[in-house]
Amino acid sequence: MTADGGQNRLAQIEAILLQTAQQQQTNTAAIAQLTEQQQTNTTAIAQLTQQQQTNTTAIAQLTAKVDGLTEEVDSLRDIVMHSIQNAESDRSVFQAEIRRIWEYLLGQSGNGRGEG
């Protein structure tokens, strides 16, 4: 091997080493960015998990309230239906009583004015 050939080979090796070192620096910077992004993502996931737990609790509370309201509405409906049935029964009783009074009045002194 000649001195020029050796120098040339040495320059090529130095160029390769320099390129490798530069690529390593680029890779190190990229890894640092990815690590930072991973930490950011981990924090965001933790926040989302906490929010999800809060939402789950709120939904459970709302579900319990809706169930309670449903029971109250059912109870109110039963009360209203019972009141309607009572009103219909009372109406029948009142109509019968009015009819009895009317018949009584018609039976008294002819036209009901007391004229004989």
PDB file of N, CA and C in Angstrom:
ATOM      1  N   MET A   1       0.838  -1.154   0.000  1.00  0.00           N
ATOM      2  CA  MET A   1       0.000   0.000   0.000  1.00  0.00           C
ATOM      3  C   MET A   1       0.893   1.231   0.000  1.00  0.00           C
ATOM      4  N   THR A   2       0.554   2.205  -0.773  1.00  0.00           N
ATOM      5  CA  THR A   2       1.366   3.410  -0.873  1.00  0.00           C
ATOM      6  C   THR A   2       0.931   4.388   0.202  1.00  0.00           C
ATOM      7  N   ALA A   3       1.771   5.385   0.406  1.00  0.00           N
ATOM      8  CA  ALA A   3       1.470   6.387   1.422  1.00  0.00           C
ATOM      9  C   ALA A   3       0.225   7.161   1.029  1.00  0.00           C
ATOM     10  N   ASP A   4       0.102   7.479  -0.268  1.00  0.00           N
ATOM     11  CA  ASP A   4      -1.102   8.187  -0.723  1.00  0.00           C
ATOM     12  C   ASP A   4      -2.339   7.311  -0.538  1.00  0.00           C
ATOM     13  N   GLY A   5      -2.193   6.032  -0.844  1.00  0.00           N
ATOM     14  CA  GLY A   5      -3.318   5.095  -0.678  1.00  0.00           C
ATOM     15  C   GLY A   5      -3.691   4.961   0.778  1.00  0.00           C
ATOM     16  N   GLY A   6      -2.700   4.948   1.676  1.00  0.00           N
ATOM     17  CA  GLY A   6      -2.965   4.841   3.107  1.00  0.00           C
ATOM     18  C   GLY A   6      -3.624   6.100   3.638  1.00  0.00           C
ATOM     19  N   GLN A   7      -3.132   7.243   3.150  1.00  0.00           N
ATOM     20  CA  GLN A   7      -3.720   8.525   3.566  1.00  0.00           C
ATOM     21  C   GLN A   7      -5.178   8.622   3.092  1.00  0.00           C
ATOM     22  N   ASN A   8      -5.381   8.175   1.887  1.00  0.00           N
ATOM     23  CA  ASN A   8      -6.726   8.195   1.316  1.00  0.00           C
ATOM     24  C   ASN A   8      -7.668   7.298   2.121  1.00  0.00           C
ATOM     25  N   ARG A   9      -7.187   6.136   2.451  1.00  0.00           N
ATOM     26  CA  ARG A   9      -7.977   5.176   3.232  1.00  0.00           C
ATOM     27  C   ARG A   9      -8.255   5.749   4.628  1.00  0.00           C
ATOM     28  N   LEU A  10      -7.248   6.364   5.221  1.00  0.00           N
ATOM     29  CA  LEU A  10      -7.401   6.977   6.535  1.00  0.00           C
ATOM     30  C   LEU A  10      -8.418   8.117   6.482  1.00  0.00           C
ATOM     31  N   ALA A  11      -8.426   8.918   5.452  1.00  0.00           N
ATOM     32  CA  ALA A  11      -9.374  10.019   5.283  1.00  0.00           C
ATOM     33  C   ALA A  11     -10.797   9.475   5.139  1.00  0.00           C
ATOM     34  N   GLN A  12     -10.930   8.361   4.427  1.00  0.00           N
ATOM     35  CA  GLN A  12     -12.247   7.744   4.268  1.00  0.00           C
ATOM     36  C   GLN A  12     -12.777   7.243   5.617  1.00  0.00           C
ATOM     37  N   ILE A  13     -11.900   6.629   6.372  1.00  0.00           N
ATOM     38  CA  ILE A  13     -12.286   6.112   7.689  1.00  0.00           C
ATOM     39  C   ILE A  13     -12.663   7.279   8.609  1.00  0.00           C
ATOM     40  N   GLU A  14     -11.878   8.353   8.567  1.00  0.00           N
ATOM     41  CA  GLU A  14     -12.199   9.527   9.393  1.00  0.00           C
ATOM     42  C   GLU A  14     -13.544  10.122   8.983  1.00  0.00           C
ATOM     43  N   ALA A  15     -13.827  10.163   7.696  1.00  0.00           N
ATOM     44  CA  ALA A  15     -15.101  10.700   7.202  1.00  0.00           C
ATOM     45  C   ALA A  15     -16.268   9.829   7.687  1.00  0.00           C
ATOM     46  N   ILE A  16     -16.053   8.517   7.638  1.00  0.00           N
ATOM     47  CA  ILE A  16     -17.094   7.592   8.105  1.00  0.00           C
ATOM     48  C   ILE A  16     -17.328   7.770   9.604  1.00  0.00           C
ATOM     49  N   LEU A  17     -16.233   7.896  10.370  1.00  0.00           N
ATOM     50  CA  LEU A  17     -16.350   8.097  11.817  1.00  0.00           C
ATOM     51  C   LEU A  17     -17.063   9.420  12.126  1.00  0.00           C
ATOM     52  N   LEU A  18     -16.728  10.474  11.387  1.00  0.00           N
ATOM     53  CA  LEU A  18     -17.378  11.761  11.584  1.00  0.00           C
ATOM     54  C   LEU A  18     -18.869  11.666  11.278  1.00  0.00           C
ATOM     55  N   GLN A  19     -19.194  11.003  10.179  1.00  0.00           N
ATOM     56  CA  GLN A  19     -20.602  10.819   9.802  1.00  0.00           C
ATOM     57  C   GLN A  19     -21.338   9.988  10.864  1.00  0.00           C
ATOM     58  N   THR A  20     -20.680   8.964  11.374  1.00  0.00           N
ATOM     59  CA  THR A  20     -21.270   8.117  12.420  1.00  0.00           C
ATOM     60  C   THR A  20     -21.502   8.926  13.694  1.00  0.00           C
ATOM     61  N   ALA A  21     -20.533   9.768  14.065  1.00  0.00           N
ATOM     62  CA  ALA A  21     -20.663  10.597  15.268  1.00  0.00           C
ATOM     63  C   ALA A  21     -21.814  11.587  15.104  1.00  0.00           C
ATOM     64  N   GLN A  22     -21.937  12.192  13.909  1.00  0.00           N
ATOM     65  CA  GLN A  22     -23.024  13.134  13.665  1.00  0.00           C
ATOM     66  C   GLN A  22     -24.391  12.424  13.712  1.00  0.00           C
ATOM     67  N   GLN A  23     -24.442  11.235  13.150  1.00  0.00           N
ATOM     68  CA  GLN A  23     -25.694  10.464  13.182  1.00  0.00           C
ATOM     69  C   GLN A  23     -26.043  10.087  14.621  1.00  0.00           C
ATOM     70  N   GLN A  24     -25.010   9.764  15.394  1.00  0.00           N
ATOM     71  CA  GLN A  24     -25.236   9.426  16.808  1.00  0.00           C
ATOM     72  C   GLN A  24     -25.800  10.624  17.566  1.00  0.00           C
ATOM     73  N   GLN A  25     -25.278  11.824  17.284  1.00  0.00           N
ATOM     74  CA  GLN A  25     -25.797  13.033  17.923  1.00  0.00           C
ATOM     75  C   GLN A  25     -27.263  13.262  17.528  1.00  0.00           C
ATOM     76  N   THR A  26     -27.556  13.070  16.254  1.00  0.00           N
ATOM     77  CA  THR A  26     -28.934  13.218  15.773  1.00  0.00           C
ATOM     78  C   THR A  26     -29.838  12.200  16.465  1.00  0.00           C
ATOM     79  N   ASN A  27     -29.374  10.961  16.558  1.00  0.00           N
ATOM     80  CA  ASN A  27     -30.156   9.910  17.213  1.00  0.00           C
ATOM     81  C   ASN A  27     -30.376  10.220  18.695  1.00  0.00           C
ATOM     82  N   THR A  28     -29.343  10.713  19.367  1.00  0.00           N
ATOM     83  CA  THR A  28     -29.445  11.056  20.781  1.00  0.00           C
ATOM     84  C   THR A  28     -30.473  12.168  20.979  1.00  0.00           C
ATOM     85  N   ALA A  29     -30.452  13.178  20.117  1.00  0.00           N
ATOM     86  CA  ALA A  29     -31.424  14.271  20.208  1.00  0.00           C
ATOM     87  C   ALA A  29     -32.842  13.746  19.950  1.00  0.00           C
ATOM     88  N   ALA A  30     -32.994  12.867  18.973  1.00  0.00           N
ATOM     89  CA  ALA A  30     -34.318  12.304  18.665  1.00  0.00           C
ATOM     90  C   ALA A  30     -34.819  11.466  19.842  1.00  0.00           C
ATOM     91  N   ILE A  31     -33.952  10.694  20.455  1.00  0.00           N
ATOM     92  CA  ILE A  31     -34.333   9.873  21.608  1.00  0.00           C
ATOM     93  C   ILE A  31     -34.751  10.772  22.778  1.00  0.00           C
ATOM     94  N   ALA A  32     -34.035  11.875  22.974  1.00  0.00           N
ATOM     95  CA  ALA A  32     -34.384  12.816  24.039  1.00  0.00           C
ATOM     96  C   ALA A  32     -35.768  13.408  23.793  1.00  0.00           C
ATOM     97  N   GLN A  33     -36.059  13.768  22.533  1.00  0.00           N
ATOM     98  CA  GLN A  33     -37.383  14.314  22.205  1.00  0.00           C
ATOM     99  C   GLN A  33     -38.467  13.268  22.427  1.00  0.00           C
ATOM    100  N   LEU A  34     -38.199  12.038  22.011  1.00  0.00           N
ATOM    101  CA  LEU A  34     -39.181  10.965  22.193  1.00  0.00           C
ATOM    102  C   LEU A  34     -39.418  10.686  23.678  1.00  0.00           C
ATOM    103  N   THR A  35     -38.357  10.742  24.474  1.00  0.00           N
ATOM    104  CA  THR A  35     -38.483  10.520  25.915  1.00  0.00           C
ATOM    105  C   THR A  35     -39.331  11.624  26.542  1.00  0.00           C
ATOM    106  N   GLU A  36     -39.084  12.853  26.136  1.00  0.00           N
ATOM    107  CA  GLU A  36     -39.862  13.984  26.646  1.00  0.00           C
ATOM    108  C   GLU A  36     -41.330  13.852  26.239  1.00  0.00           C
ATOM    109  N   GLN A  37     -41.555  13.457  24.980  1.00  0.00           N
ATOM    110  CA  GLN A  37     -42.927  13.280  24.494  1.00  0.00           C
ATOM    111  C   GLN A  37     -43.615  12.146  25.262  1.00  0.00           C
ATOM    112  N   GLN A  38     -42.867  11.094  25.547  1.00  0.00           N
ATOM    113  CA  GLN A  38     -43.418   9.976  26.310  1.00  0.00           C
ATOM    114  C   GLN A  38     -43.827  10.429  27.713  1.00  0.00           C
ATOM    115  N   GLN A  39     -43.015  11.275  28.336  1.00  0.00           N
ATOM    116  CA  GLN A  39     -43.346  11.790  29.667  1.00  0.00           C
ATOM    117  C   GLN A  39     -44.602  12.658  29.605  1.00  0.00           C
ATOM    118  N   THR A  40     -44.685  13.474  28.560  1.00  0.00           N
ATOM    119  CA  THR A  40     -45.868  14.311  28.364  1.00  0.00           C
ATOM    120  C   THR A  40     -47.104  13.432  28.167  1.00  0.00           C
ATOM    121  N   ASN A  41     -46.971  12.395  27.361  1.00  0.00           N
ATOM    122  CA  ASN A  41     -48.086  11.483  27.111  1.00  0.00           C
ATOM    123  C   ASN A  41     -48.500  10.759  28.392  1.00  0.00           C
ATOM    124  N   THR A  42     -47.532  10.363  29.184  1.00  0.00           N
ATOM    125  CA  THR A  42     -47.822   9.675  30.437  1.00  0.00           C
ATOM    126  C   THR A  42     -48.611  10.594  31.376  1.00  0.00           C
ATOM    127  N   THR A  43     -48.198  11.856  31.438  1.00  0.00           N
ATOM    128  CA  THR A  43     -48.917  12.828  32.259  1.00  0.00           C
ATOM    129  C   THR A  43     -50.340  13.025  31.742  1.00  0.00           C
ATOM    130  N   ALA A  44     -50.480  13.141  30.427  1.00  0.00           N
ATOM    131  CA  ALA A  44     -51.805  13.330  29.826  1.00  0.00           C
ATOM    132  C   ALA A  44     -52.687  12.113  30.093  1.00  0.00           C
ATOM    133  N   ILE A  45     -52.138  10.932  29.996  1.00  0.00           N
ATOM    134  CA  ILE A  45     -52.907   9.714  30.260  1.00  0.00           C
ATOM    135  C   ILE A  45     -53.345   9.672  31.721  1.00  0.00           C
ATOM    136  N   ALA A  46     -52.482  10.068  32.627  1.00  0.00           N
ATOM    137  CA  ALA A  46     -52.831  10.100  34.050  1.00  0.00           C
ATOM    138  C   ALA A  46     -53.984  11.084  34.287  1.00  0.00           C
ATOM    139  N   GLN A  47     -53.922  12.239  33.625  1.00  0.00           N
ATOM    140  CA  GLN A  47     -54.992  13.232  33.770  1.00  0.00           C
ATOM    141  C   GLN A  47     -56.304  12.697  33.198  1.00  0.00           C
ATOM    142  N   LEU A  48     -56.219  12.039  32.036  1.00  0.00           N
ATOM    143  CA  LEU A  48     -57.415  11.477  31.423  1.00  0.00           C
ATOM    144  C   LEU A  48     -58.008  10.368  32.300  1.00  0.00           C
ATOM    145  N   THR A  49     -57.154   9.585  32.908  1.00  0.00           N
ATOM    146  CA  THR A  49     -57.622   8.520  33.794  1.00  0.00           C
ATOM    147  C   THR A  49     -58.346   9.108  34.992  1.00  0.00           C
ATOM    148  N   GLN A  50     -57.783  10.158  35.563  1.00  0.00           N
ATOM    149  CA  GLN A  50     -58.422  10.824  36.703  1.00  0.00           C
ATOM    150  C   GLN A  50     -59.761  11.428  36.279  1.00  0.00           C
ATOM    151  N   GLN A  51     -59.793  12.061  35.104  1.00  0.00           N
ATOM    152  CA  GLN A  51     -61.046  12.646  34.615  1.00  0.00           C
ATOM    153  C   GLN A  51     -62.082  11.552  34.370  1.00  0.00           C
ATOM    154  N   GLN A  52     -61.642  10.429  33.837  1.00  0.00           N
ATOM    155  CA  GLN A  52     -62.552   9.306  33.593  1.00  0.00           C
ATOM    156  C   GLN A  52     -63.146   8.797  34.905  1.00  0.00           C
ATOM    157  N   GLN A  53     -62.331   8.732  35.935  1.00  0.00           N
ATOM    158  CA  GLN A  53     -62.831   8.297  37.245  1.00  0.00           C
ATOM    159  C   GLN A  53     -63.842   9.300  37.794  1.00  0.00           C
ATOM    160  N   THR A  54     -63.549  10.578  37.623  1.00  0.00           N
ATOM    161  CA  THR A  54     -64.486  11.623  38.054  1.00  0.00           C
ATOM    162  C   THR A  54     -65.799  11.503  37.287  1.00  0.00           C
ATOM    163  N   ASN A  55     -65.700  11.306  35.973  1.00  0.00           N
ATOM    164  CA  ASN A  55     -66.899  11.161  35.138  1.00  0.00           C
ATOM    165  C   ASN A  55     -67.708   9.933  35.548  1.00  0.00           C
ATOM    166  N   THR A  56     -67.013   8.840  35.824  1.00  0.00           N
ATOM    167  CA  THR A  56     -67.697   7.613  36.230  1.00  0.00           C
ATOM    168  C   THR A  56     -68.461   7.826  37.529  1.00  0.00           C
ATOM    169  N   THR A  57     -67.846   8.522  38.470  1.00  0.00           N
ATOM    170  CA  THR A  57     -68.511   8.825  39.736  1.00  0.00           C
ATOM    171  C   THR A  57     -69.730   9.711  39.498  1.00  0.00           C
ATOM    172  N   ALA A  58     -69.571  10.737  38.677  1.00  0.00           N
ATOM    173  CA  ALA A  58     -70.686  11.650  38.387  1.00  0.00           C
ATOM    174  C   ALA A  58     -71.826  10.909  37.697  1.00  0.00           C
ATOM    175  N   ILE A  59     -71.500  10.024  36.775  1.00  0.00           N
ATOM    176  CA  ILE A  59     -72.534   9.248  36.070  1.00  0.00           C
ATOM    177  C   ILE A  59     -73.265   8.342  37.056  1.00  0.00           C
ATOM    178  N   ALA A  60     -72.532   7.732  37.961  1.00  0.00           N
ATOM    179  CA  ALA A  60     -73.161   6.869  38.969  1.00  0.00           C
ATOM    180  C   ALA A  60     -74.120   7.675  39.843  1.00  0.00           C
ATOM    181  N   GLN A  61     -73.703   8.888  40.229  1.00  0.00           N
ATOM    182  CA  GLN A  61     -74.571   9.745  41.038  1.00  0.00           C
ATOM    183  C   GLN A  61     -75.823  10.151  40.259  1.00  0.00           C
ATOM    184  N   LEU A  62     -75.636  10.510  38.987  1.00  0.00           N
ATOM    185  CA  LEU A  62     -76.784  10.889  38.159  1.00  0.00           C
ATOM    186  C   LEU A  62     -77.731   9.703  37.966  1.00  0.00           C
ATOM    187  N   THR A  63     -77.166   8.528  37.775  1.00  0.00           N
ATOM    188  CA  THR A  63     -77.990   7.329  37.611  1.00  0.00           C
ATOM    189  C   THR A  63     -78.825   7.089  38.858  1.00  0.00           C
ATOM    190  N   ALA A  64     -78.213   7.239  40.024  1.00  0.00           N
ATOM    191  CA  ALA A  64     -78.948   7.063  41.283  1.00  0.00           C
ATOM    192  C   ALA A  64     -80.067   8.098  41.397  1.00  0.00           C
ATOM    193  N   LYS A  65     -79.780   9.343  41.015  1.00  0.00           N
ATOM    194  CA  LYS A  65     -80.809  10.387  41.082  1.00  0.00           C
ATOM    195  C   LYS A  65     -81.951  10.103  40.105  1.00  0.00           C
ATOM    196  N   VAL A  66     -81.614   9.651  38.902  1.00  0.00           N
ATOM    197  CA  VAL A  66     -82.651   9.322  37.914  1.00  0.00           C
ATOM    198  C   VAL A  66     -83.497   8.161  38.424  1.00  0.00           C
ATOM    199  N   ASP A  67     -82.855   7.161  39.021  1.00  0.00           N
ATOM    200  CA  ASP A  67     -83.609   6.036  39.580  1.00  0.00           C
ATOM    201  C   ASP A  67     -84.557   6.530  40.671  1.00  0.00           C
ATOM    202  N   GLY A  68     -84.061   7.431  41.529  1.00  0.00           N
ATOM    203  CA  GLY A  68     -84.910   7.997  42.579  1.00  0.00           C
ATOM    204  C   GLY A  68     -86.079   8.776  41.999  1.00  0.00           C
ATOM    205  N   LEU A  69     -85.805   9.578  40.969  1.00  0.00           N
ATOM    206  CA  LEU A  69     -86.875  10.350  40.328  1.00  0.00           C
ATOM    207  C   LEU A  69     -87.888   9.426  39.660  1.00  0.00           C
ATOM    208  N   THR A  70     -87.402   8.347  39.068  1.00  0.00           N
ATOM    209  CA  THR A  70     -88.303   7.390  38.429  1.00  0.00           C
ATOM    210  C   THR A  70     -89.248   6.789  39.464  1.00  0.00           C
ATOM    211  N   GLU A  71     -88.709   6.433  40.618  1.00  0.00           N
ATOM    212  CA  GLU A  71     -89.553   5.902  41.690  1.00  0.00           C
ATOM    213  C   GLU A  71     -90.565   6.935  42.151  1.00  0.00           C
ATOM    214  N   GLU A  72     -90.134   8.182  42.280  1.00  0.00           N
ATOM    215  CA  GLU A  72     -91.045   9.240  42.711  1.00  0.00           C
ATOM    216  C   GLU A  72     -92.147   9.487  41.682  1.00  0.00           C
ATOM    217  N   VAL A  73     -91.777   9.466  40.394  1.00  0.00           N
ATOM    218  CA  VAL A  73     -92.772   9.659  39.332  1.00  0.00           C
ATOM    219  C   VAL A  73     -93.767   8.502  39.343  1.00  0.00           C
ATOM    220  N   ASP A  74     -93.255   7.279  39.511  1.00  0.00           N
ATOM    221  CA  ASP A  74     -94.151   6.117  39.587  1.00  0.00           C
ATOM    222  C   ASP A  74     -95.115   6.258  40.756  1.00  0.00           C
ATOM    223  N   SER A  75     -94.594   6.689  41.889  1.00  0.00           N
ATOM    224  CA  SER A  75     -95.434   6.884  43.073  1.00  0.00           C
ATOM    225  C   SER A  75     -96.471   7.978  42.820  1.00  0.00           C
ATOM    226  N   LEU A  76     -96.036   9.067  42.223  1.00  0.00           N
ATOM    227  CA  LEU A  76     -96.958  10.169  41.917  1.00  0.00           C
ATOM    228  C   LEU A  76     -98.040   9.706  40.941  1.00  0.00           C
ATOM    229  N   ARG A  77     -97.643   8.924  39.953  1.00  0.00           N
ATOM    230  CA  ARG A  77     -98.617   8.407  38.988  1.00  0.00           C
ATOM    231  C   ARG A  77     -99.661   7.551  39.708  1.00  0.00           C
ATOM    232  N   ASP A  78     -99.206   6.708  40.632  1.00  0.00           N
ATOM    233  CA  ASP A  78    -100.142   5.879  41.389  1.00  0.00           C
ATOM    234  C   ASP A  78    -101.103   6.745  42.206  1.00  0.00           C
ATOM    235  N   ILE A  79    -100.572   7.803  42.826  1.00  0.00           N
ATOM    236  CA  ILE A  79    -101.409   8.710  43.616  1.00  0.00           C
ATOM    237  C   ILE A  79    -102.442   9.398  42.722  1.00  0.00           C
ATOM    238  N   VAL A  80    -102.003   9.870  41.555  1.00  0.00           N
ATOM    239  CA  VAL A  80    -102.914  10.555  40.634  1.00  0.00           C
ATOM    240  C   VAL A  80    -103.990   9.585  40.146  1.00  0.00           C
ATOM    241  N   MET A  81    -103.611   8.365  39.807  1.00  0.00           N
ATOM    242  CA  MET A  81    -104.589   7.388  39.334  1.00  0.00           C
ATOM    243  C   MET A  81    -105.598   7.075  40.443  1.00  0.00           C
ATOM    244  N   HIS A  82    -105.122   6.945  41.669  1.00  0.00           N
ATOM    245  CA  HIS A  82    -106.013   6.698  42.805  1.00  0.00           C
ATOM    246  C   HIS A  82    -106.959   7.890  42.996  1.00  0.00           C
ATOM    247  N   SER A  83    -106.419   9.099  42.847  1.00  0.00           N
ATOM    248  CA  SER A  83    -107.254  10.301  42.987  1.00  0.00           C
ATOM    249  C   SER A  83    -108.312  10.345  41.895  1.00  0.00           C
ATOM    250  N   ILE A  84    -107.941   9.965  40.692  1.00  0.00           N
ATOM    251  CA  ILE A  84    -108.911   9.947  39.579  1.00  0.00           C
ATOM    252  C   ILE A  84    -110.008   8.930  39.868  1.00  0.00           C
ATOM    253  N   GLN A  85    -109.621   7.765  40.354  1.00  0.00           N
ATOM    254  CA  GLN A  85    -110.613   6.737  40.679  1.00  0.00           C
ATOM    255  C   GLN A  85    -111.546   7.232  41.787  1.00  0.00           C
ATOM    256  N   ASN A  86    -110.963   7.886  42.786  1.00  0.00           N
ATOM    257  CA  ASN A  86    -111.796   8.440  43.864  1.00  0.00           C
ATOM    258  C   ASN A  86    -112.736   9.516  43.330  1.00  0.00           C
ATOM    259  N   ALA A  87    -112.224  10.355  42.435  1.00  0.00           N
ATOM    260  CA  ALA A  87    -113.055  11.417  41.870  1.00  0.00           C
ATOM    261  C   ALA A  87    -114.201  10.827  41.063  1.00  0.00           C
ATOM    262  N   GLU A  88    -113.929   9.774  40.301  1.00  0.00           N
ATOM    263  CA  GLU A  88    -114.995   9.130  39.524  1.00  0.00           C
ATOM    264  C   GLU A  88    -116.032   8.503  40.446  1.00  0.00           C
ATOM    265  N   SER A  89    -115.562   7.878  41.508  1.00  0.00           N
ATOM    266  CA  SER A  89    -116.478   7.282  42.493  1.00  0.00           C
ATOM    267  C   SER A  89    -117.315   8.365  43.170  1.00  0.00           C
ATOM    268  N   ASP A  90    -116.643   9.444  43.579  1.00  0.00           N
ATOM    269  CA  ASP A  90    -117.359  10.562  44.212  1.00  0.00           C
ATOM    270  C   ASP A  90    -118.389  11.159  43.252  1.00  0.00           C
ATOM    271  N   ARG A  91    -118.024  11.276  41.987  1.00  0.00           N
ATOM    272  CA  ARG A  91    -118.934  11.846  40.986  1.00  0.00           C
ATOM    273  C   ARG A  91    -120.197  10.994  40.888  1.00  0.00           C
ATOM    274  N   SER A  92    -120.023   9.681  40.865  1.00  0.00           N
ATOM    275  CA  SER A  92    -121.183   8.785  40.799  1.00  0.00           C
ATOM    276  C   SER A  92    -122.062   8.942  42.033  1.00  0.00           C
ATOM    277  N   VAL A  93    -121.417   9.030  43.184  1.00  0.00           N
ATOM    278  CA  VAL A  93    -122.166   9.200  44.428  1.00  0.00           C
ATOM    279  C   VAL A  93    -122.908  10.534  44.417  1.00  0.00           C
ATOM    280  N   PHE A  94    -122.215  11.614  43.992  1.00  0.00           N
ATOM    281  CA  PHE A  94    -122.847  12.937  43.953  1.00  0.00           C
ATOM    282  C   PHE A  94    -124.020  12.956  42.965  1.00  0.00           C
ATOM    283  N   GLN A  95    -123.847  12.326  41.797  1.00  0.00           N
ATOM    284  CA  GLN A  95    -124.929  12.291  40.805  1.00  0.00           C
ATOM    285  C   GLN A  95    -126.143  11.548  41.372  1.00  0.00           C
ATOM    286  N   ALA A  96    -125.880  10.457  42.058  1.00  0.00           N
ATOM    287  CA  ALA A  96    -126.994   9.703  42.653  1.00  0.00           C
ATOM    288  C   ALA A  96    -127.687  10.542  43.717  1.00  0.00           C
ATOM    289  N   GLU A  97    -126.924  11.237  44.519  1.00  0.00           N
ATOM    290  CA  GLU A  97    -127.501  12.075  45.577  1.00  0.00           C
ATOM    291  C   GLU A  97    -128.297  13.233  44.975  1.00  0.00           C
ATOM    292  N   ILE A  98    -127.765  13.868  43.937  1.00  0.00           N
ATOM    293  CA  ILE A  98    -128.477  14.966  43.263  1.00  0.00           C
ATOM    294  C   ILE A  98    -129.774  14.440  42.650  1.00  0.00           C
ATOM    295  N   ARG A  99    -129.704  13.264  42.029  1.00  0.00           N
ATOM    296  CA  ARG A  99    -130.896  12.670  41.428  1.00  0.00           C
ATOM    297  C   ARG A  99    -131.942  12.384  42.524  1.00  0.00           C
ATOM    298  N   ARG A 100    -131.510  11.886  43.667  1.00  0.00           N
ATOM    299  CA  ARG A 100    -132.427  11.596  44.770  1.00  0.00           C
ATOM    300  C   ARG A 100    -133.081  12.887  45.278  1.00  0.00           C
ATOM    301  N   ILE A 101    -132.252  13.947  45.421  1.00  0.00           N
ATOM    302  CA  ILE A 101    -132.792  15.230  45.878  1.00  0.00           C
ATOM    303  C   ILE A 101    -133.771  15.788  44.846  1.00  0.00           C
ATOM    304  N   TRP A 102    -133.388  15.698  43.554  1.00  0.00           N
ATOM    305  CA  TRP A 102    -134.246  16.216  42.477  1.00  0.00           C
ATOM    306  C   TRP A 102    -135.593  15.487  42.467  1.00  0.00           C
ATOM    307  N   GLU A 103    -135.550  14.177  42.614  1.00  0.00           N
ATOM    308  CA  GLU A 103    -136.787  13.401  42.632  1.00  0.00           C
ATOM    309  C   GLU A 103    -137.617  13.754  43.864  1.00  0.00           C
ATOM    310  N   TYR A 104    -136.949  13.983  44.961  1.00  0.00           N
ATOM    311  CA  TYR A 104    -137.661  14.393  46.167  1.00  0.00           C
ATOM    312  C   TYR A 104    -138.366  15.722  45.944  1.00  0.00           C
ATOM    313  N   LEU A 105    -137.632  16.663  45.368  1.00  0.00           N
ATOM    314  CA  LEU A 105    -138.213  17.983  45.128  1.00  0.00           C
ATOM    315  C   LEU A 105    -139.368  17.910  44.133  1.00  0.00           C
ATOM    316  N   LEU A 106    -139.217  17.084  43.121  1.00  0.00           N
ATOM    317  CA  LEU A 106    -140.302  16.947  42.148  1.00  0.00           C
ATOM    318  C   LEU A 106    -141.549  16.337  42.801  1.00  0.00           C
ATOM    319  N   GLY A 107    -141.339  15.491  43.769  1.00  0.00           N
ATOM    320  CA  GLY A 107    -142.463  14.846  44.461  1.00  0.00           C
ATOM    321  C   GLY A 107    -143.153  15.772  45.441  1.00  0.00           C
ATOM    322  N   GLN A 108    -142.537  16.867  45.804  1.00  0.00           N
ATOM    323  CA  GLN A 108    -143.105  17.827  46.749  1.00  0.00           C
ATOM    324  C   GLN A 108    -143.953  18.846  45.999  1.00  0.00           C
ATOM    325  N   SER A 109    -145.132  19.074  46.451  1.00  0.00           N
ATOM    326  CA  SER A 109    -146.051  20.119  46.013  1.00  0.00           C
ATOM    327  C   SER A 109    -145.996  20.425  44.525  1.00  0.00           C
ATOM    328  N   GLY A 110    -145.949  19.442  43.684  1.00  0.00           N
ATOM    329  CA  GLY A 110    -146.147  19.651  42.246  1.00  0.00           C
ATOM    330  C   GLY A 110    -144.941  20.173  41.508  1.00  0.00           C
ATOM    331  N   ASN A 111    -144.825  21.527  41.460  1.00  0.00           N
ATOM    332  CA  ASN A 111    -143.767  22.118  40.649  1.00  0.00           C
ATOM    333  C   ASN A 111    -142.546  22.489  41.479  1.00  0.00           C
ATOM    334  N   GLY A 112    -142.558  22.230  42.742  1.00  0.00           N
ATOM    335  CA  GLY A 112    -141.408  22.496  43.587  1.00  0.00           C
ATOM    336  C   GLY A 112    -141.392  23.895  44.149  1.00  0.00           C
ATOM    337  N   ARG A 113    -142.447  24.754  43.883  1.00  0.00           N
ATOM    338  CA  ARG A 113    -142.483  26.106  44.393  1.00  0.00           C
ATOM    339  C   ARG A 113    -143.409  26.223  45.622  1.00  0.00           C
ATOM    340  N   GLY A 114    -143.924  25.120  45.997  1.00  0.00           N
ATOM    341  CA  GLY A 114    -144.779  25.130  47.154  1.00  0.00           C
ATOM    342  C   GLY A 114    -146.209  25.545  46.836  1.00  0.00           C
ATOM    343  N   GLU A 115    -146.593  25.666  45.577  1.00  0.00           N
ATOM    344  CA  GLU A 115    -147.935  26.057  45.190  1.00  0.00           C
ATOM    345  C   GLU A 115    -148.781  24.808  45.045  1.00  0.00           C
ATOM    346  N   GLY A 116    -149.937  24.792  45.581  1.00  0.00           N
ATOM    347  CA  GLY A 116    -150.793  23.630  45.593  1.00  0.00           C
ATOM    348  C   GLY A 116    -151.766  23.646  44.583  1.00  0.00           C
TER     349      GLY A 116
END
